[in-house]
Amino acid sequence: MEKCEWKFSVVEDENHYESGCGGEWFFFEGNTKENHMNLCPFCGEPIDVDFEQ
C-alpha cells in the first residue's frame, strides 16, 4: 500500500502540513496522531509524516 508523505511546519503558531498529493491541512492543537488522523483526506492513502512536534 502506498503512503501519502506529509511535510510538517509551524505557521503562525498552528501545525501546518503539506501533503504529497497537493493538499494542505492545519491543526490548531496537536498533531496527526493526537487528532487520530491516519488517512489523507485528499487521496485516502495512509499518512507518513516526515517530522512532528
PDB file of N, CA and C in Angstrom:
ATOM      1  N   MET A   1       0.844  -1.183   0.000  1.00  0.00           N
ATOM      2  CA  MET A   1       0.000   0.000   0.000  1.00  0.00           C
ATOM      3  C   MET A   1       0.886   1.242   0.000  1.00  0.00           C
ATOM      4  N   GLU A   2       0.565   2.177  -0.843  1.00  0.00           N
ATOM      5  CA  GLU A   2       1.317   3.424  -0.903  1.00  0.00           C
ATOM      6  C   GLU A   2       0.975   4.297   0.290  1.00  0.00           C
ATOM      7  N   LYS A   3       1.860   5.247   0.584  1.00  0.00           N
ATOM      8  CA  LYS A   3       1.612   6.213   1.654  1.00  0.00           C
ATOM      9  C   LYS A   3       1.699   7.612   1.079  1.00  0.00           C
ATOM     10  N   CYS A   4       0.953   8.526   1.683  1.00  0.00           N
ATOM     11  CA  CYS A   4       0.992   9.928   1.306  1.00  0.00           C
ATOM     12  C   CYS A   4       1.951  10.625   2.269  1.00  0.00           C
ATOM     13  N   GLU A   5       3.043  11.151   1.750  1.00  0.00           N
ATOM     14  CA  GLU A   5       4.040  11.804   2.596  1.00  0.00           C
ATOM     15  C   GLU A   5       3.613  13.232   2.912  1.00  0.00           C
ATOM     16  N   TRP A   6       3.544  13.537   4.205  1.00  0.00           N
ATOM     17  CA  TRP A   6       3.187  14.874   4.667  1.00  0.00           C
ATOM     18  C   TRP A   6       4.413  15.544   5.238  1.00  0.00           C
ATOM     19  N   LYS A   7       4.583  16.835   4.936  1.00  0.00           N
ATOM     20  CA  LYS A   7       5.678  17.631   5.492  1.00  0.00           C
ATOM     21  C   LYS A   7       5.101  18.580   6.534  1.00  0.00           C
ATOM     22  N   PHE A   8       5.750  18.613   7.694  1.00  0.00           N
ATOM     23  CA  PHE A   8       5.287  19.384   8.839  1.00  0.00           C
ATOM     24  C   PHE A   8       6.024  20.711   8.927  1.00  0.00           C
ATOM     25  N   SER A   9       5.313  21.778   9.297  1.00  0.00           N
ATOM     26  CA  SER A   9       5.919  23.060   9.636  1.00  0.00           C
ATOM     27  C   SER A   9       4.977  23.797  10.581  1.00  0.00           C
ATOM     28  N   VAL A  10       5.485  24.815  11.254  1.00  0.00           N
ATOM     29  CA  VAL A  10       4.653  25.647  12.124  1.00  0.00           C
ATOM     30  C   VAL A  10       4.448  26.973  11.421  1.00  0.00           C
ATOM     31  N   VAL A  11       3.187  27.346  11.222  1.00  0.00           N
ATOM     32  CA  VAL A  11       2.828  28.602  10.572  1.00  0.00           C
ATOM     33  C   VAL A  11       1.913  29.360  11.522  1.00  0.00           C
ATOM     34  N   GLU A  12       2.371  30.515  11.988  1.00  0.00           N
ATOM     35  CA  GLU A  12       1.588  31.360  12.894  1.00  0.00           C
ATOM     36  C   GLU A  12       1.023  30.560  14.059  1.00  0.00           C
ATOM     37  N   ASP A  13       1.873  29.802  14.742  1.00  0.00           N
ATOM     38  CA  ASP A  13       1.530  29.006  15.923  1.00  0.00           C
ATOM     39  C   ASP A  13       0.540  27.875  15.658  1.00  0.00           C
ATOM     40  N   GLU A  14       0.353  27.491  14.415  1.00  0.00           N
ATOM     41  CA  GLU A  14      -0.508  26.359  14.079  1.00  0.00           C
ATOM     42  C   GLU A  14       0.339  25.276  13.417  1.00  0.00           C
ATOM     43  N   ASN A  15      -0.013  24.021  13.647  1.00  0.00           N
ATOM     44  CA  ASN A  15       0.676  22.912  12.991  1.00  0.00           C
ATOM     45  C   ASN A  15       0.165  22.799  11.561  1.00  0.00           C
ATOM     46  N   HIS A  16       1.039  23.035  10.610  1.00  0.00           N
ATOM     47  CA  HIS A  16       0.696  23.064   9.191  1.00  0.00           C
ATOM     48  C   HIS A  16       1.331  21.863   8.504  1.00  0.00           C
ATOM     49  N   TYR A  17       0.583  21.240   7.616  1.00  0.00           N
ATOM     50  CA  TYR A  17       1.068  20.085   6.867  1.00  0.00           C
ATOM     51  C   TYR A  17       0.798  20.296   5.391  1.00  0.00           C
ATOM     52  N   GLU A  18       1.754  19.892   4.561  1.00  0.00           N
ATOM     53  CA  GLU A  18       1.565  19.850   3.117  1.00  0.00           C
ATOM     54  C   GLU A  18       1.626  18.386   2.714  1.00  0.00           C
ATOM     55  N   SER A  19       0.599  17.914   2.032  1.00  0.00           N
ATOM     56  CA  SER A  19       0.544  16.503   1.644  1.00  0.00           C
ATOM     57  C   SER A  19       1.263  16.281   0.320  1.00  0.00           C
ATOM     58  N   GLY A  20       1.750  15.071   0.143  1.00  0.00           N
ATOM     59  CA  GLY A  20       2.424  14.705  -1.098  1.00  0.00           C
ATOM     60  C   GLY A  20       1.500  14.744  -2.300  1.00  0.00           C
ATOM     61  N   CYS A  21       0.198  14.691  -2.061  1.00  0.00           N
ATOM     62  CA  CYS A  21      -0.768  14.708  -3.164  1.00  0.00           C
ATOM     63  C   CYS A  21      -1.292  16.119  -3.465  1.00  0.00           C
ATOM     64  N   GLY A  22      -0.720  17.130  -2.771  1.00  0.00           N
ATOM     65  CA  GLY A  22      -1.066  18.512  -3.111  1.00  0.00           C
ATOM     66  C   GLY A  22      -2.011  19.225  -2.168  1.00  0.00           C
ATOM     67  N   GLY A  23      -2.436  18.606  -1.087  1.00  0.00           N
ATOM     68  CA  GLY A  23      -3.339  19.259  -0.147  1.00  0.00           C
ATOM     69  C   GLY A  23      -2.589  19.931   0.992  1.00  0.00           C
ATOM     70  N   GLU A  24      -3.299  20.764   1.755  1.00  0.00           N
ATOM     71  CA  GLU A  24      -2.755  21.396   2.950  1.00  0.00           C
ATOM     72  C   GLU A  24      -3.738  21.201   4.096  1.00  0.00           C
ATOM     73  N   TRP A  25      -3.198  21.063   5.310  1.00  0.00           N
ATOM     74  CA  TRP A  25      -4.024  20.832   6.479  1.00  0.00           C
ATOM     75  C   TRP A  25      -3.438  21.561   7.668  1.00  0.00           C
ATOM     76  N   PHE A  26      -4.290  22.123   8.537  1.00  0.00           N
ATOM     77  CA  PHE A  26      -3.863  22.804   9.755  1.00  0.00           C
ATOM     78  C   PHE A  26      -4.528  22.159  10.957  1.00  0.00           C
ATOM     79  N   PHE A  27      -3.798  22.097  12.061  1.00  0.00           N
ATOM     80  CA  PHE A  27      -4.378  21.741  13.352  1.00  0.00           C
ATOM     81  C   PHE A  27      -4.118  22.902  14.292  1.00  0.00           C
ATOM     82  N   PHE A  28      -5.161  23.361  14.983  1.00  0.00           N
ATOM     83  CA  PHE A  28      -4.976  24.410  15.969  1.00  0.00           C
ATOM     84  C   PHE A  28      -4.284  23.850  17.206  1.00  0.00           C
ATOM     85  N   GLU A  29      -4.532  22.572  17.499  1.00  0.00           N
ATOM     86  CA  GLU A  29      -3.894  21.900  18.630  1.00  0.00           C
ATOM     87  C   GLU A  29      -3.542  20.482  18.231  1.00  0.00           C
ATOM     88  N   GLY A  30      -2.387  20.018  18.680  1.00  0.00           N
ATOM     89  CA  GLY A  30      -1.991  18.636  18.468  1.00  0.00           C
ATOM     90  C   GLY A  30      -1.445  18.371  17.073  1.00  0.00           C
ATOM     91  N   ASN A  31      -1.120  17.099  16.855  1.00  0.00           N
ATOM     92  CA  ASN A  31      -0.564  16.674  15.575  1.00  0.00           C
ATOM     93  C   ASN A  31      -1.455  15.584  14.978  1.00  0.00           C
ATOM     94  N   THR A  32      -0.991  14.916  13.944  1.00  0.00           N
ATOM     95  CA  THR A  32      -1.830  13.916  13.278  1.00  0.00           C
ATOM     96  C   THR A  32      -2.196  12.774  14.220  1.00  0.00           C
ATOM     97  N   LYS A  33      -1.252  12.301  15.013  1.00  0.00           N
ATOM     98  CA  LYS A  33      -1.528  11.187  15.923  1.00  0.00           C
ATOM     99  C   LYS A  33      -2.491  11.598  17.030  1.00  0.00           C
ATOM    100  N   GLU A  34      -2.273  12.775  17.608  1.00  0.00           N
ATOM    101  CA  GLU A  34      -3.144  13.257  18.685  1.00  0.00           C
ATOM    102  C   GLU A  34      -4.561  13.537  18.195  1.00  0.00           C
ATOM    103  N   ASN A  35      -4.715  13.821  16.914  1.00  0.00           N
ATOM    104  CA  ASN A  35      -6.033  14.085  16.324  1.00  0.00           C
ATOM    105  C   ASN A  35      -6.584  12.882  15.564  1.00  0.00           C
ATOM    106  N   HIS A  36      -5.952  11.718  15.727  1.00  0.00           N
ATOM    107  CA  HIS A  36      -6.403  10.456  15.125  1.00  0.00           C
ATOM    108  C   HIS A  36      -6.555  10.556  13.607  1.00  0.00           C
ATOM    109  N   MET A  37      -5.633  11.291  12.973  1.00  0.00           N
ATOM    110  CA  MET A  37      -5.634  11.440  11.521  1.00  0.00           C
ATOM    111  C   MET A  37      -4.673  10.396  10.963  1.00  0.00           C
ATOM    112  N   ASN A  38      -5.201   9.328  10.431  1.00  0.00           N
ATOM    113  CA  ASN A  38      -4.398   8.224   9.908  1.00  0.00           C
ATOM    114  C   ASN A  38      -4.381   8.164   8.392  1.00  0.00           C
ATOM    115  N   LEU A  39      -5.447   8.637   7.769  1.00  0.00           N
ATOM    116  CA  LEU A  39      -5.563   8.599   6.311  1.00  0.00           C
ATOM    117  C   LEU A  39      -5.635  10.023   5.762  1.00  0.00           C
ATOM    118  N   CYS A  40      -4.999  10.240   4.633  1.00  0.00           N
ATOM    119  CA  CYS A  40      -5.040  11.543   3.984  1.00  0.00           C
ATOM    120  C   CYS A  40      -6.467  11.828   3.509  1.00  0.00           C
ATOM    121  N   PRO A  41      -7.048  12.977   3.894  1.00  0.00           N
ATOM    122  CA  PRO A  41      -8.409  13.288   3.455  1.00  0.00           C
ATOM    123  C   PRO A  41      -8.494  13.645   1.971  1.00  0.00           C
ATOM    124  N   PHE A  42      -7.346  13.832   1.324  1.00  0.00           N
ATOM    125  CA  PHE A  42      -7.324  14.225  -0.085  1.00  0.00           C
ATOM    126  C   PHE A  42      -7.233  13.029  -1.023  1.00  0.00           C
ATOM    127  N   CYS A  43      -6.360  12.050  -0.683  1.00  0.00           N
ATOM    128  CA  CYS A  43      -6.175  10.907  -1.587  1.00  0.00           C
ATOM    129  C   CYS A  43      -6.571   9.569  -0.951  1.00  0.00           C
ATOM    130  N   GLY A  44      -6.779   9.531   0.369  1.00  0.00           N
ATOM    131  CA  GLY A  44      -7.222   8.320   1.047  1.00  0.00           C
ATOM    132  C   GLY A  44      -6.120   7.352   1.446  1.00  0.00           C
ATOM    133  N   GLU A  45      -4.866   7.669   1.122  1.00  0.00           N
ATOM    134  CA  GLU A  45      -3.735   6.795   1.474  1.00  0.00           C
ATOM    135  C   GLU A  45      -3.319   7.024   2.932  1.00  0.00           C
ATOM    136  N   PRO A  46      -2.665   6.048   3.575  1.00  0.00           N
ATOM    137  CA  PRO A  46      -2.132   6.250   4.922  1.00  0.00           C
ATOM    138  C   PRO A  46      -1.131   7.411   4.937  1.00  0.00           C
ATOM    139  N   ILE A  47      -1.139   8.179   6.017  1.00  0.00           N
ATOM    140  CA  ILE A  47      -0.259   9.333   6.146  1.00  0.00           C
ATOM    141  C   ILE A  47       1.099   8.908   6.690  1.00  0.00           C
ATOM    142  N   ASP A  48       2.151   9.419   6.066  1.00  0.00           N
ATOM    143  CA  ASP A  48       3.531   9.243   6.530  1.00  0.00           C
ATOM    144  C   ASP A  48       4.093  10.635   6.750  1.00  0.00           C
ATOM    145  N   VAL A  49       4.313  11.034   8.014  1.00  0.00           N
ATOM    146  CA  VAL A  49       4.771  12.387   8.343  1.00  0.00           C
ATOM    147  C   VAL A  49       6.277  12.380   8.511  1.00  0.00           C
ATOM    148  N   ASP A  50       6.951  13.374   7.910  1.00  0.00           N
ATOM    149  CA  ASP A  50       8.408  13.460   7.986  1.00  0.00           C
ATOM    150  C   ASP A  50       8.882  13.788   9.402  1.00  0.00           C
ATOM    151  N   PHE A  51       8.129  14.605  10.144  1.00  0.00           N
ATOM    152  CA  PHE A  51       8.510  15.031  11.492  1.00  0.00           C
ATOM    153  C   PHE A  51       7.321  15.736  12.117  1.00  0.00           C
ATOM    154  N   GLU A  52       7.118  15.524  13.407  1.00  0.00           N
ATOM    155  CA  GLU A  52       6.067  16.233  14.133  1.00  0.00           C
ATOM    156  C   GLU A  52       6.587  16.644  15.489  1.00  0.00           C
ATOM    157  N   GLN A  53       6.062  17.730  16.007  1.00  0.00           N
ATOM    158  CA  GLN A  53       6.422  18.156  17.362  1.00  0.00           C
ATOM    159  C   GLN A  53       5.563  17.447  18.360  1.00  0.00           C
TER     160      GLN A  53
END
